[in-house]
Protein backbone atom coordinates (compact mmCIF):
# COMPACT_ATOMS: atom_id res chain seq x y z
CA MET A 1 17.65 17.07 27.75
CA SER A 2 15.02 14.33 29.29
CA VAL A 3 14.23 11.19 27.54
CA PRO A 4 10.84 10.93 26.86
CA PRO A 5 9.17 7.40 27.94
CA LEU A 6 9.29 4.47 25.47
CA LEU A 7 6.07 3.56 23.92
CA TYR A 8 4.86 0.13 22.80
CA LEU A 9 1.64 0.26 21.31
CA ASN A 10 -0.27 -2.35 19.88
CA SER A 11 -1.80 -4.15 16.68
CA GLU A 12 -5.62 -2.52 17.89
CA GLU A 13 -3.87 0.45 19.51
CA VAL A 14 -2.66 1.33 16.05
CA ARG A 15 -5.28 0.51 14.47
CA LEU A 16 -7.53 3.04 17.09
CA ALA A 17 -4.56 5.60 16.78
CA LEU A 18 -4.57 5.75 12.74
CA PRO A 19 -7.56 5.74 11.15
CA MET A 20 -7.40 6.22 8.00
CA PRO A 21 -8.09 9.91 6.88
CA ASP A 22 -4.78 10.23 9.03
CA ALA A 23 -2.79 7.81 8.11
CA ILE A 24 -3.56 8.95 3.99
CA ALA A 25 -2.37 12.97 5.03
CA ALA A 26 0.26 11.33 6.49
CA MET A 27 1.14 9.08 3.50
CA LYS A 28 0.68 12.29 0.96
CA GLN A 29 3.56 13.94 3.53
CA ALA A 30 5.73 10.70 3.20
CA PHE A 31 5.87 10.72 -0.83
CA ILE A 32 6.54 14.61 -0.77
CA GLN A 33 8.95 14.19 1.22
CA LEU A 34 10.66 11.07 -1.24
CA SER A 35 10.37 12.57 -4.03
CA ALA A 36 11.95 15.69 -2.31
CA GLY A 37 15.20 14.24 -1.89
CA GLN A 38 15.24 14.74 1.89
CA VAL A 39 15.02 10.87 2.63
CA MET A 40 17.19 8.25 3.28
CA LEU A 41 16.55 5.32 1.67
CA PRO A 42 18.47 2.34 2.11
CA ALA A 43 17.32 -0.25 -0.70
CA ARG A 44 15.92 -3.24 1.09
CA GLN A 45 17.09 -6.17 2.84
CA HIS A 46 15.58 -9.83 2.05
CA ILE A 47 16.12 -12.68 3.68
CA ASP A 48 14.45 -15.71 2.07
CA VAL A 49 13.41 -19.01 4.30
CA ALA A 50 12.30 -21.10 1.28
CA GLY A 51 11.90 -24.41 3.61
CA GLU A 52 8.78 -22.86 4.83
CA LYS A 53 7.73 -20.34 1.78
CA GLY A 54 8.69 -17.30 4.16
CA THR A 55 10.52 -13.92 3.60
CA ALA A 56 11.49 -11.44 5.59
CA LEU A 57 12.15 -8.09 5.39
CA ILE A 58 14.10 -5.24 6.67
CA MET A 59 13.28 -1.51 5.98
CA SER A 60 14.72 1.43 7.40
CA CYS A 61 14.49 5.35 6.67
CA HIS A 62 16.09 8.79 7.96
CA SER A 63 14.47 12.03 7.54
CA SER A 64 15.67 14.98 7.14
CA GLU A 65 12.84 16.64 7.38
CA GLN A 66 11.47 15.34 10.44
CA LYS A 67 14.46 14.07 12.41
CA LEU A 68 13.66 11.22 12.49
CA MET A 69 14.92 7.93 12.12
CA SER A 70 12.47 4.12 11.03
CA VAL A 71 12.80 0.32 11.01
CA LYS A 72 10.68 -2.39 10.28
CA PHE A 73 11.62 -5.78 10.47
CA VAL A 74 8.85 -7.45 8.84
CA THR A 75 8.08 -11.51 7.36
CA LEU A 76 5.70 -13.03 4.90
CA PHE A 77 4.82 -16.56 5.37
CA ASP A 78 2.49 -17.92 2.24
CA ASN A 79 2.17 -21.36 5.19
CA ASN A 80 0.74 -18.96 7.77
CA GLN A 81 -3.43 -18.88 6.88
CA ARG A 82 -3.03 -22.46 7.20
CA LEU A 83 -1.71 -22.39 11.03
CA GLY A 84 -4.46 -19.63 11.33
CA LEU A 85 -1.79 -16.48 11.52
CA PRO A 86 -1.84 -13.65 9.76
CA LEU A 87 0.35 -13.92 6.48
CA ILE A 88 2.59 -10.53 7.91
CA GLN A 89 4.33 -9.61 10.80
CA ALA A 90 6.34 -7.22 12.08
CA LEU A 91 7.79 -4.48 14.20
CA VAL A 92 8.11 -0.62 13.37
CA ILE A 93 10.66 1.16 15.81
CA LEU A 94 10.93 4.95 15.22
CA SER A 95 13.47 6.90 16.96
CA ASP A 96 14.74 10.89 17.22
CA ALA A 97 17.04 11.32 14.52
CA ILE A 98 18.80 14.31 17.09
CA SER A 99 19.70 12.11 19.89
CA GLY A 100 19.54 8.13 18.32
CA VAL A 101 16.75 7.48 20.99
CA PRO A 102 13.80 5.27 20.55
CA LEU A 103 10.83 6.73 20.87
CA ALA A 104 8.36 3.80 20.14
CA ILE A 105 7.94 -0.51 19.39
CA MET A 106 4.43 -1.10 17.38
CA ASP A 107 3.06 -3.94 15.91
CA GLY A 108 3.55 -3.63 12.17
CA GLY A 109 1.37 -4.95 10.94
CA SER A 110 -1.57 -3.38 10.99
CA LEU A 111 0.64 -0.16 10.13
CA THR A 112 1.64 -2.21 6.92
CA ALA A 113 -1.58 -2.68 6.05
CA ILE A 114 -3.18 0.97 6.63
CA ARG A 115 0.06 2.69 5.45
CA THR A 116 -0.20 0.90 2.21
CA GLY A 117 -3.98 1.15 1.75
CA ALA A 118 -3.48 4.72 2.15
CA ALA A 119 -0.47 5.07 -0.16
CA SER A 120 -3.46 4.25 -2.24
CA GLY A 121 -6.14 6.83 -1.31
CA ALA A 122 -3.51 9.43 -1.57
CA ALA A 123 -2.87 7.85 -5.47
CA THR A 124 -6.63 7.58 -6.16
CA ASP A 125 -7.01 11.14 -4.46
CA ILE A 126 -5.22 12.49 -7.59
CA LEU A 127 -5.25 10.26 -9.91
CA ALA A 128 -8.41 8.49 -10.34
CA ARG A 129 -12.00 10.78 -11.54
CA PRO A 130 -13.87 12.73 -9.43
CA ASP A 131 -17.33 11.44 -10.06
CA ALA A 132 -15.39 7.45 -10.03
CA HIS A 133 -18.21 4.82 -7.29
CA LEU A 134 -17.54 1.76 -9.12
CA VAL A 135 -14.45 0.29 -7.07
CA ALA A 136 -13.02 -4.04 -8.49
CA ILE A 137 -11.07 -5.28 -5.64
CA PHE A 138 -8.80 -8.69 -6.10
CA GLY A 139 -7.88 -10.24 -3.85
CA ALA A 140 -9.60 -10.38 -0.19
CA GLY A 141 -6.98 -10.76 2.46
CA VAL A 142 -5.83 -7.83 4.83
CA GLN A 143 -4.88 -5.82 2.30
CA ALA A 144 -7.44 -5.27 0.34
CA ARG A 145 -9.42 -4.47 2.55
CA THR A 146 -7.64 -1.53 3.86
CA GLN A 147 -7.53 -0.62 0.45
CA LEU A 148 -11.22 -0.91 0.08
CA GLU A 149 -11.48 1.53 3.23
CA ALA A 150 -8.51 4.36 1.45
CA VAL A 151 -10.46 4.39 -1.36
CA CYS A 152 -13.74 4.85 0.49
CA SER A 153 -12.37 7.35 1.77
CA VAL A 154 -11.89 9.76 -1.02
CA ARG A 155 -13.92 8.93 -3.44
CA PRO A 156 -18.16 8.92 -2.81
CA ILE A 157 -18.27 5.15 -3.14
CA ARG A 158 -21.71 3.40 -4.16
CA HIS A 159 -20.41 -0.37 -5.26
CA VAL A 160 -17.88 -3.32 -5.04
CA ARG A 161 -17.21 -6.23 -6.36
CA VAL A 162 -14.27 -8.61 -5.30
CA PHE A 163 -12.45 -11.61 -7.00
CA ASP A 164 -10.90 -13.99 -5.16
CA PRO A 165 -9.89 -17.66 -6.71
CA ASP A 166 -11.29 -19.37 -2.52
CA SER A 167 -15.28 -17.90 -2.77
CA VAL A 168 -15.49 -18.38 0.85
CA GLN A 169 -13.19 -15.93 1.67
CA ALA A 170 -14.23 -13.50 -1.44
CA ASP A 171 -17.92 -14.06 0.94
CA ARG A 172 -16.95 -13.24 4.33
CA PHE A 173 -15.15 -10.54 3.08
CA ALA A 174 -18.17 -8.95 1.01
CA GLU A 175 -20.36 -8.63 4.11
CA GLU A 176 -18.06 -8.42 6.92
CA MET A 177 -17.13 -4.96 4.13
CA THR A 178 -20.40 -3.97 3.59
CA HIS A 179 -21.23 -4.25 7.16
CA ARG A 180 -17.95 -1.87 7.82
CA LEU A 181 -18.47 0.80 5.53
CA GLY A 182 -22.36 0.96 4.69
CA LEU A 183 -22.43 0.43 1.18
CA SER A 184 -22.83 -2.87 -1.52
CA VAL A 185 -20.44 -5.09 -1.80
CA GLU A 186 -20.59 -8.55 -3.05
CA ARG A 187 -18.01 -10.99 -4.45
CA ALA A 188 -17.48 -11.19 -8.56
CA SER A 189 -17.44 -14.57 -10.27
CA SER A 190 -15.29 -14.14 -12.58
CA PRO A 191 -11.82 -11.24 -13.54
CA ALA A 192 -13.86 -10.23 -15.60
CA LYS A 193 -17.34 -9.46 -13.59
CA ALA A 194 -15.53 -7.89 -11.45
CA LEU A 195 -14.14 -5.29 -14.12
CA THR A 196 -18.10 -4.45 -15.08
CA ASP A 197 -17.53 -0.20 -15.53
CA ALA A 198 -15.58 0.30 -12.67
CA ASP A 199 -13.93 3.29 -12.51
CA ILE A 200 -11.00 1.77 -9.53
CA VAL A 201 -9.56 -1.45 -9.55
CA CYS A 202 -7.43 -2.30 -6.36
CA THR A 203 -4.90 -5.56 -6.45
CA ALA A 204 -3.55 -7.22 -3.52
CA THR A 205 -2.91 -10.33 -4.24
CA LEU A 206 -0.50 -13.35 -3.68
CA SER A 207 -0.57 -14.45 -7.49
CA SER A 208 2.01 -14.55 -9.09
CA VAL A 209 0.34 -13.69 -12.83
CA PRO A 210 -2.00 -11.20 -14.44
CA VAL A 211 -5.39 -11.60 -12.13
CA PHE A 212 -6.97 -9.92 -15.24
CA ARG A 213 -7.79 -9.56 -19.45
CA ASP A 214 -6.08 -6.29 -20.44
CA CYS A 215 -9.25 -6.66 -22.96
CA GLU A 216 -11.08 -7.00 -19.54
CA LEU A 217 -10.53 -3.32 -18.34
CA PRO A 218 -12.78 -0.68 -19.18
CA PRO A 219 -11.17 2.56 -20.30
CA GLY A 220 -11.10 5.65 -18.00
CA ALA A 221 -9.72 2.94 -15.28
CA HIS A 222 -7.41 3.89 -12.44
CA ILE A 223 -5.75 0.76 -10.72
CA ASN A 224 -3.57 0.32 -7.21
CA ALA A 225 -0.84 -2.77 -7.75
CA VAL A 226 0.39 -3.47 -4.40
CA GLY A 227 0.68 -7.12 -4.35
CA SER A 228 3.69 -7.91 -6.12
CA TYR A 229 7.44 -7.14 -4.97
CA LYS A 230 9.21 -9.15 -6.45
CA PRO A 231 11.05 -8.74 -10.40
CA GLU A 232 9.70 -12.09 -10.77
CA VAL A 233 5.69 -11.73 -9.98
CA SER A 234 3.33 -9.53 -11.40
CA GLU A 235 -0.20 -8.87 -11.01
CA ILE A 236 -1.19 -6.60 -13.85
CA PRO A 237 -1.23 -7.68 -17.56
CA PRO A 238 1.42 -6.12 -19.43
CA ASP A 239 -0.64 -4.81 -22.30
CA THR A 240 -2.82 -3.04 -19.60
CA VAL A 241 0.68 -1.87 -18.45
CA CYS A 242 2.11 -0.76 -21.25
CA ARG A 243 -0.95 1.21 -22.39
CA ALA A 244 -1.43 3.02 -18.45
CA ARG A 245 0.45 6.03 -17.86
CA VAL A 246 1.87 4.63 -14.52
CA ILE A 247 3.31 6.68 -11.31
CA VAL A 248 5.52 4.61 -8.83
CA ASP A 249 6.16 5.34 -5.28
CA HIS A 250 9.99 4.85 -5.59
CA ARG A 251 11.84 4.59 -9.10
CA PRO A 252 14.54 3.21 -7.79
CA SER A 253 12.30 0.70 -5.68
CA ALA A 254 10.53 0.45 -9.18
CA LEU A 255 14.10 -0.68 -10.52
CA GLU A 256 14.63 -3.74 -7.76
CA GLU A 257 11.50 -5.09 -7.22
CA ALA A 258 8.47 -4.12 -9.22
CA GLY A 259 7.56 -7.38 -11.40
CA ASP A 260 4.79 -5.71 -12.87
CA LEU A 261 7.16 -3.51 -14.64
CA LEU A 262 10.37 -5.59 -14.67
CA ILE A 263 8.79 -8.08 -16.98
CA PRO A 264 7.24 -5.78 -20.12
CA MET A 265 10.50 -4.35 -19.52
CA LYS A 266 12.42 -7.42 -20.49
CA GLN A 267 10.14 -8.18 -22.82
CA LYS A 268 11.04 -4.65 -24.54
CA ARG A 269 7.92 -2.93 -24.26
CA ILE A 270 8.78 -0.39 -22.30
CA ASP A 271 11.84 1.48 -21.30
CA GLU A 272 12.43 3.03 -17.51
CA SER A 273 10.40 6.63 -18.88
CA HIS A 274 7.09 4.73 -18.62
CA PHE A 275 7.18 4.75 -15.30
CA SER A 276 9.75 8.48 -14.29
CA SER A 277 6.89 9.91 -12.40
CA GLU A 278 6.95 9.59 -8.39
CA LEU A 279 3.49 9.91 -6.66
CA GLY A 280 5.36 12.95 -4.52
CA GLU A 281 5.77 14.70 -7.38
CA VAL A 282 2.48 14.53 -8.74
CA LEU A 283 0.91 15.19 -4.62
CA ALA A 284 3.82 18.08 -4.82
CA GLY A 285 2.07 19.50 -8.47
CA ARG A 286 5.95 19.47 -10.66
CA VAL A 287 4.14 16.95 -12.30
CA PRO A 288 0.55 16.36 -14.07
CA GLY A 289 -1.96 14.14 -12.76
CA ARG A 290 -4.61 12.10 -14.89
CA LYS A 291 -4.77 13.83 -18.35
CA ASP A 292 -8.75 13.42 -19.49
CA ARG A 293 -11.33 10.54 -18.90
CA ASP A 294 -10.36 7.41 -20.37
CA GLU A 295 -6.46 7.83 -19.66
CA VAL A 296 -6.32 4.25 -17.54
CA THR A 297 -3.56 5.68 -14.97
CA LEU A 298 -1.88 2.99 -13.04
CA PHE A 299 -0.13 3.63 -9.30
CA LYS A 300 2.47 0.70 -8.54
CA SER A 301 3.36 0.36 -5.55
CA VAL A 302 5.97 -1.99 -4.02
CA GLY A 303 5.96 -0.16 -0.80
CA VAL A 304 8.86 1.79 1.02
CA ALA A 305 10.31 2.71 4.54
CA ILE A 306 9.40 6.64 4.98
CA GLN A 307 5.91 5.61 4.68
CA ASP A 308 6.40 3.64 7.54
CA LEU A 309 7.74 6.25 9.39
CA CYS A 310 5.03 8.72 8.37
CA ALA A 311 2.05 6.26 9.89
CA ALA A 312 4.55 5.42 12.71
CA ARG A 313 5.36 9.62 13.53
CA GLN A 314 1.12 9.94 13.07
CA VAL A 315 0.62 6.79 14.96
CA LEU A 316 3.07 8.19 18.30
CA ASP A 317 1.53 11.31 18.45
CA ASN A 318 -2.20 10.44 18.10
CA ALA A 319 -1.45 7.78 20.96
CA ARG A 320 0.23 10.38 22.95
CA ASN A 321 -3.02 12.40 22.60
CA ARG A 322 -5.51 9.44 23.01
CA LYS A 323 -3.22 8.04 26.14
CA LEU A 324 -2.70 4.95 24.45
CA GLY A 325 -0.15 2.49 24.48
CA VAL A 326 2.00 1.14 27.34
CA GLU A 327 5.38 2.56 28.42
CA LEU A 328 8.16 0.85 28.75
CA PRO A 329 10.67 1.03 31.00
CA ARG A 330 14.24 2.30 30.25
């Protein structure tokens, strides 16, 4: 058996090898596999580095459908912005699951940002109103950028408002994304102004408390909530969670980590049945999507390793075709 070369891809090469439409297609495949029971997904390991306001995560996965394995080591250090570094640093290893041979090592920061945005794109594609055209973005970092890029890939977006407590960051986001996407992106002066007539809402923040009030949310909005991944942290108001149709990426992970859902559960306002549907079930047609125009839908994602595996597989395939990356000696 010949062993294929081990490929290394840096951040820019990952971005080139994973255009958003390809990433969204990969995420649809990932969630369908997950909900069909074709994925072995160990619980995410957390290592807290309290003195440095940091967290390290280890995420591993096996896909019997694709005969692949992956592992991601990712760190999130709150002080990195002050140091001029990205919040997220990561590496992903993709291996063959028949022989165990490593196939690729790639930057995980870019991959995580793209696959997280793409997951919201997949959810938006099946849950948002078909004519949705106005987006409210909360947060102005890397994740917010890929959230917006993804929803623009699946809906005819015409106008975007971004809110971030840091107005300089929000202005920079608005200028950059207006130029990149060729549509109107403006900074909102308040959460309420960001939400006025919004069809799609994306929250991608580090906030530990809700970033808007339930009364500010228009009827029929679809929400992608991707910022919080700890049980004590919540971006979405409990009132919104309680009245929304909630779809999760992975039920067991949501029960462990989704503070947006766990906090109203602890308040005895909802139980597990309130978020019993996974995105993969909706994508496969086993669970219905949006029921009517006025229904509020909420996709709550904490991020799961099958997303990394499917995204890395797409990166590897595209990189080979486009001759990207560096072959490393074994």
